[in-house]
Amino acid sequence: MTYRTRTYCLIGAAVALTGVFLLLLSSAADAQRGSRLGFGGRGYPIRQPERDIFPTGAFTFARVRYSSYGYGFNWDTDYPASDLNFPIRLEQLTTIKIEHQENGDPKHVVVDLTDETLFDYPFIYMLEVGRLVFSEEEATALRSYLLRGGFLMVDDFWGEDEWLNWLIQISNVLDPIEYEMKDLTLDHPVFNIVFKLDEFPQVPSINYWVSSGGDTSEKGYDSRVPHYKGIHDKNGRLMVIVCHNTDLGDGWEREGEREDYFQAISVPKAYPMGINIVVYAMTH
């Protein structure tokens, strides 16, 4: 199967400008507190939807559940709040339509790499890969998924040790000689397709941000510079984006906890970058 047969009604998504985003999210914090546009509009929703395939052509946020884990590392970090908050903002600020549950909450799924339903989701999200170890079956399935048209976003891992682990694991999925992982530059469309970003966003966890007085590098000198890297297929299609030394998901998950974090991190960094990635993935 190919993913391009699945239409997501994305034409016109790029009309959501950065200024509109800032106006909606920043001013609404005062004018519409408690609504879905303002600060704290979601808080911590905990409903877990039934897992199924989306049949209507609307977007469903799909998170990867992998089999390995290490101390403090697991596939369900920031779950489920980030997986609920992000699709709401995506639908509010672009023309993308998302799947909804009967109660109105956005539908989201957790999918194993070895599950045949993986191929029903053209965009998948994976995080905390600093201690990840792919099984042979997971590596084979992910390779097939990517080369058949799927898109993977990797998020929330920090420092050189975690980076080295990721390099080893993704090399078991894609031959690094055939599919080289390269730095993306700010003139790449993924940084401009909806919101124009003038720097690589670094999003820290809310706890670190508060305790450090506003610093964004969770591992100090070892994670001072955020990196955004990509892997392309042989036709030049970006099929993997790797967000290292940053945690976009925490900016989605914790948007309703503190207004200062919302204004400094969620609004200008976490949501614009995440939305750009999804829109780019679904239109290329």
Protein backbone atom coordinates (compact mmCIF):
# COMPACT_ATOMS: atom_id res chain seq x y z
CA MET A 1 0.00 0.00 0.00
CA THR A 2 1.04 3.61 -0.41
CA TYR A 3 0.31 6.49 1.90
CA ARG A 4 -0.27 9.06 -0.76
CA THR A 5 -3.69 7.51 -1.42
CA ARG A 6 -4.80 8.78 1.98
CA THR A 7 -6.02 12.34 1.67
CA TYR A 8 -5.76 14.62 4.68
CA CYS A 9 -7.34 17.79 3.29
CA LEU A 10 -4.17 19.73 3.94
CA ILE A 11 -4.39 22.22 1.08
CA GLY A 12 -4.28 25.65 2.61
CA ALA A 13 -2.62 24.61 5.85
CA ALA A 14 0.17 27.11 5.30
CA VAL A 15 -2.20 30.06 5.60
CA ALA A 16 -1.94 29.80 9.39
CA LEU A 17 0.77 32.43 9.96
CA THR A 18 3.01 32.75 12.98
CA GLY A 19 1.45 36.06 13.91
CA VAL A 20 -1.99 34.50 13.96
CA PHE A 21 -0.71 31.70 16.16
CA LEU A 22 0.81 34.11 18.65
CA LEU A 23 -2.33 36.22 18.67
CA LEU A 24 -4.60 33.25 19.24
CA LEU A 25 -2.55 31.59 21.92
CA SER A 26 -1.10 34.59 23.73
CA SER A 27 -4.00 37.03 23.84
CA ALA A 28 -6.46 34.23 24.43
CA ALA A 29 -4.67 33.39 27.63
CA ASP A 30 -6.31 36.48 29.14
CA ALA A 31 -9.39 36.89 26.99
CA GLN A 32 -10.50 33.27 26.84
CA ARG A 33 -9.06 31.56 29.88
CA GLY A 34 -10.61 28.13 30.20
CA SER A 35 -11.43 27.80 26.51
CA ARG A 36 -9.49 25.58 24.12
CA LEU A 37 -7.67 28.55 22.64
CA GLY A 38 -6.30 29.97 25.85
CA PHE A 39 -3.78 28.87 28.45
CA GLY A 40 -5.01 25.92 30.45
CA GLY A 41 -7.74 25.07 27.96
CA ARG A 42 -6.98 21.36 28.18
CA GLY A 43 -5.18 20.76 31.44
CA TYR A 44 -4.55 17.04 31.86
CA PRO A 45 -7.15 15.00 29.97
CA ILE A 46 -6.69 11.32 30.79
CA ARG A 47 -9.30 9.59 28.64
CA GLN A 48 -7.87 6.64 26.69
CA PRO A 49 -9.76 5.98 23.45
CA GLU A 50 -10.47 2.61 21.96
CA ARG A 51 -7.73 1.79 19.49
CA ASP A 52 -8.88 1.38 15.90
CA ILE A 53 -8.06 2.36 12.35
CA PHE A 54 -9.25 5.76 11.16
CA PRO A 55 -11.53 5.27 8.17
CA THR A 56 -12.52 8.81 7.24
CA GLY A 57 -9.23 10.25 5.93
CA ALA A 58 -8.77 12.61 8.90
CA PHE A 59 -5.49 12.72 10.82
CA THR A 60 -4.89 10.47 13.82
CA PHE A 61 -1.88 10.97 16.09
CA ALA A 62 -0.06 7.63 16.35
CA ARG A 63 2.54 6.97 19.04
CA VAL A 64 4.98 4.05 18.80
CA ARG A 65 5.18 1.59 21.66
CA TYR A 66 8.53 -0.19 21.62
CA SER A 67 9.38 -3.28 23.62
CA SER A 68 12.59 -2.16 25.35
CA TYR A 69 12.99 0.38 28.11
CA GLY A 70 15.59 1.68 30.51
CA TYR A 71 15.51 3.43 33.86
CA GLY A 72 13.61 6.67 33.33
CA PHE A 73 13.08 5.94 29.64
CA ASN A 74 9.93 4.58 28.08
CA TRP A 75 7.63 4.97 25.12
CA ASP A 76 4.81 6.52 27.17
CA THR A 77 6.61 9.66 28.40
CA ASP A 78 4.23 12.67 28.25
CA TYR A 79 1.36 10.29 27.48
CA PRO A 80 -1.58 10.74 27.08
CA ALA A 81 -1.87 14.52 27.51
CA SER A 82 0.54 15.42 24.71
CA ASP A 83 -1.28 13.10 22.30
CA LEU A 84 -4.56 14.83 23.11
CA ASN A 85 -3.39 18.45 23.25
CA PHE A 86 -1.33 18.43 20.07
CA PRO A 87 -4.08 17.33 17.65
CA ILE A 88 -6.42 19.98 19.08
CA ARG A 89 -3.90 22.74 18.34
CA LEU A 90 -3.18 21.21 14.94
CA GLU A 91 -6.84 21.40 13.99
CA GLN A 92 -7.30 24.88 15.46
CA LEU A 93 -4.38 26.44 13.64
CA THR A 94 -4.41 24.69 10.26
CA THR A 95 -7.04 23.29 7.92
CA ILE A 96 -6.14 19.72 8.86
CA LYS A 97 -9.08 17.68 10.08
CA ILE A 98 -8.47 15.22 12.91
CA GLU A 99 -10.34 12.15 14.06
CA HIS A 100 -12.53 12.64 17.15
CA GLN A 101 -13.96 10.28 19.71
CA GLU A 102 -17.66 10.28 20.45
CA ASN A 103 -17.05 12.55 23.47
CA GLY A 104 -15.32 15.13 21.25
CA ASP A 105 -11.76 14.47 22.34
CA PRO A 106 -9.22 13.82 19.59
CA LYS A 107 -8.64 10.19 18.76
CA HIS A 108 -5.09 8.98 19.23
CA VAL A 109 -3.55 5.54 19.05
CA VAL A 110 -0.65 3.56 20.44
CA VAL A 111 0.82 1.18 17.89
CA ASP A 112 3.52 -1.46 18.11
CA LEU A 113 6.09 -1.55 15.33
CA THR A 114 5.30 -5.22 14.80
CA ASP A 115 1.55 -4.61 14.55
CA GLU A 116 0.12 -4.84 11.04
CA THR A 117 -1.96 -1.71 11.73
CA LEU A 118 1.27 0.32 11.76
CA PHE A 119 0.80 0.74 8.02
CA ASP A 120 -2.53 2.47 8.53
CA TYR A 121 -0.81 5.53 10.01
CA PRO A 122 1.36 7.61 7.65
CA PHE A 123 2.81 9.62 10.57
CA ILE A 124 4.20 8.03 13.73
CA TYR A 125 5.81 9.59 16.80
CA MET A 126 8.54 8.00 18.92
CA LEU A 127 10.45 9.44 21.87
CA GLU A 128 12.92 8.62 24.66
CA VAL A 129 15.20 6.67 22.32
CA GLY A 130 18.31 7.19 24.44
CA ARG A 131 18.07 3.67 25.88
CA LEU A 132 15.95 2.12 23.16
CA VAL A 133 17.01 -1.24 21.71
CA PHE A 134 15.09 -2.39 18.64
CA SER A 135 14.36 -6.07 18.39
CA GLU A 136 15.09 -7.64 15.02
CA GLU A 137 11.37 -7.79 14.30
CA GLU A 138 10.88 -4.12 15.21
CA ALA A 139 13.81 -3.02 13.05
CA THR A 140 12.51 -4.99 10.07
CA ALA A 141 8.99 -3.63 10.45
CA LEU A 142 10.14 -0.02 10.82
CA ARG A 143 12.38 -0.35 7.76
CA SER A 144 9.46 -1.61 5.71
CA TYR A 145 7.19 1.12 7.02
CA LEU A 146 9.61 3.92 6.13
CA LEU A 147 10.56 2.62 2.70
CA ARG A 148 6.91 2.13 1.80
CA GLY A 149 6.10 5.78 2.44
CA GLY A 150 5.73 6.23 6.19
CA PHE A 151 7.10 9.15 8.20
CA LEU A 152 8.74 8.94 11.65
CA MET A 153 9.25 11.80 14.10
CA VAL A 154 11.75 11.12 16.91
CA ASP A 155 11.73 13.38 19.97
CA ASP A 156 12.93 13.87 23.55
CA PHE A 157 16.45 12.51 24.01
CA TRP A 158 19.45 14.43 25.26
CA GLY A 159 23.23 14.41 25.25
CA GLU A 160 25.93 12.48 23.43
CA ASP A 161 25.41 9.11 25.11
CA GLU A 162 21.77 8.99 24.11
CA TRP A 163 22.65 10.21 20.64
CA LEU A 164 25.17 7.40 20.20
CA ASN A 165 22.56 4.83 21.20
CA TRP A 166 20.12 6.23 18.65
CA LEU A 167 22.78 6.09 15.92
CA ILE A 168 23.38 2.42 16.64
CA GLN A 169 19.70 1.55 16.71
CA ILE A 170 18.63 3.44 13.57
CA SER A 171 21.61 1.90 11.74
CA ASN A 172 19.97 -1.48 12.41
CA VAL A 173 16.89 -0.15 10.64
CA LEU A 174 18.43 1.73 7.71
CA ASP A 175 21.92 1.24 6.33
CA PRO A 176 23.68 4.53 7.19
CA ILE A 177 25.69 4.38 3.95
CA GLU A 178 22.55 4.14 1.82
CA TYR A 179 20.42 6.36 4.04
CA GLU A 180 22.64 8.96 5.64
CA MET A 181 21.29 11.04 8.51
CA LYS A 182 22.04 14.69 7.79
CA ASP A 183 21.57 18.01 9.58
CA LEU A 184 18.58 19.99 8.38
CA THR A 185 19.16 23.71 7.84
CA LEU A 186 16.75 26.49 8.71
CA ASP A 187 16.00 27.09 5.04
CA HIS A 188 14.48 23.60 4.81
CA PRO A 189 10.69 23.83 4.25
CA VAL A 190 9.99 21.92 7.48
CA PHE A 191 11.02 25.07 9.38
CA ASN A 192 8.87 27.36 7.25
CA ILE A 193 5.90 25.46 5.83
CA VAL A 194 3.37 26.91 8.29
CA PHE A 195 5.31 28.87 10.89
CA LYS A 196 8.63 30.51 10.04
CA LEU A 197 11.19 29.51 12.63
CA ASP A 198 14.39 31.54 12.88
CA GLU A 199 16.16 29.12 15.23
CA PHE A 200 16.10 25.45 16.09
CA PRO A 201 13.62 25.21 18.97
CA GLN A 202 14.89 23.75 22.21
CA VAL A 203 12.07 22.68 24.51
CA PRO A 204 12.94 21.58 28.07
CA SER A 205 10.73 19.72 30.50
CA ILE A 206 8.67 22.07 32.61
CA ASN A 207 10.32 20.85 35.82
CA TYR A 208 13.80 21.60 34.55
CA TRP A 209 12.75 24.94 33.08
CA VAL A 210 11.26 26.09 36.40
CA SER A 211 14.06 24.78 38.62
CA SER A 212 16.79 26.24 36.40
CA GLY A 213 15.22 29.67 36.16
CA GLY A 214 14.42 29.39 32.46
CA ASP A 215 17.34 27.42 31.05
CA THR A 216 16.50 25.10 28.15
CA SER A 217 19.45 22.66 28.09
CA GLU A 218 18.47 19.75 30.32
CA LYS A 219 21.97 18.23 30.38
CA GLY A 220 23.93 21.44 30.60
CA TYR A 221 26.92 21.67 28.28
CA ASP A 222 26.23 18.19 26.91
CA SER A 223 22.92 19.25 25.39
CA ARG A 224 23.39 22.97 24.82
CA VAL A 225 22.76 22.84 21.06
CA PRO A 226 19.49 21.38 19.69
CA HIS A 227 19.81 19.34 16.52
CA TYR A 228 17.24 18.55 13.84
CA LYS A 229 18.39 15.83 11.48
CA GLY A 230 16.72 14.01 8.64
CA ILE A 231 16.92 10.76 6.72
CA HIS A 232 15.73 10.76 3.10
CA ASP A 233 14.75 7.87 0.88
CA LYS A 234 16.36 7.34 -2.50
CA ASN A 235 13.81 9.63 -4.14
CA GLY A 236 14.78 12.48 -1.82
CA ARG A 237 11.66 12.19 0.38
CA LEU A 238 12.24 13.07 4.02
CA MET A 239 11.07 9.99 5.90
CA VAL A 240 12.60 10.52 9.37
CA ILE A 241 13.05 13.72 11.35
CA VAL A 242 15.11 13.48 14.52
CA CYS A 243 14.71 16.15 17.20
CA HIS A 244 17.70 15.83 19.57
CA ASN A 245 18.39 17.89 22.70
CA THR A 246 14.78 18.98 22.83
CA ASP A 247 11.43 17.71 24.13
CA LEU A 248 8.61 19.07 21.99
CA GLY A 249 6.16 16.68 23.63
CA ASP A 250 6.55 18.29 27.04
CA GLY A 251 5.57 21.62 25.54
CA TRP A 252 2.35 19.98 24.36
CA GLU A 253 1.67 17.92 27.47
CA ARG A 254 2.29 20.62 30.07
CA GLU A 255 0.76 23.61 28.29
CA GLY A 256 -1.96 23.95 30.93
CA GLU A 257 0.24 23.78 34.02
CA ARG A 258 1.94 27.19 34.08
CA GLU A 259 1.15 30.24 32.00
CA ASP A 260 4.78 31.40 31.90
CA TYR A 261 5.87 28.04 30.45
CA PHE A 262 2.97 28.15 28.01
CA GLN A 263 3.95 31.62 26.77
CA ALA A 264 7.72 31.05 26.68
CA ILE A 265 7.88 27.45 25.46
CA SER A 266 4.60 26.01 24.16
CA VAL A 267 3.52 28.99 22.02
CA PRO A 268 6.74 29.99 20.23
CA LYS A 269 8.58 26.64 20.18
CA ALA A 270 6.78 23.36 20.81
CA TYR A 271 3.59 23.85 18.83
CA PRO A 272 5.02 25.67 15.78
CA MET A 273 7.72 23.03 15.29
CA GLY A 274 5.36 20.11 15.81
CA ILE A 275 2.74 21.52 13.48
CA ASN A 276 5.36 22.24 10.82
CA ILE A 277 6.59 18.64 10.99
CA VAL A 278 3.14 17.11 10.62
CA VAL A 279 2.08 19.41 7.79
CA TYR A 280 5.34 18.79 5.94
CA ALA A 281 5.10 15.02 6.43
CA MET A 282 1.52 14.88 5.17
CA THR A 283 2.15 17.02 2.09
CA HIS A 284 5.40 15.52 0.78
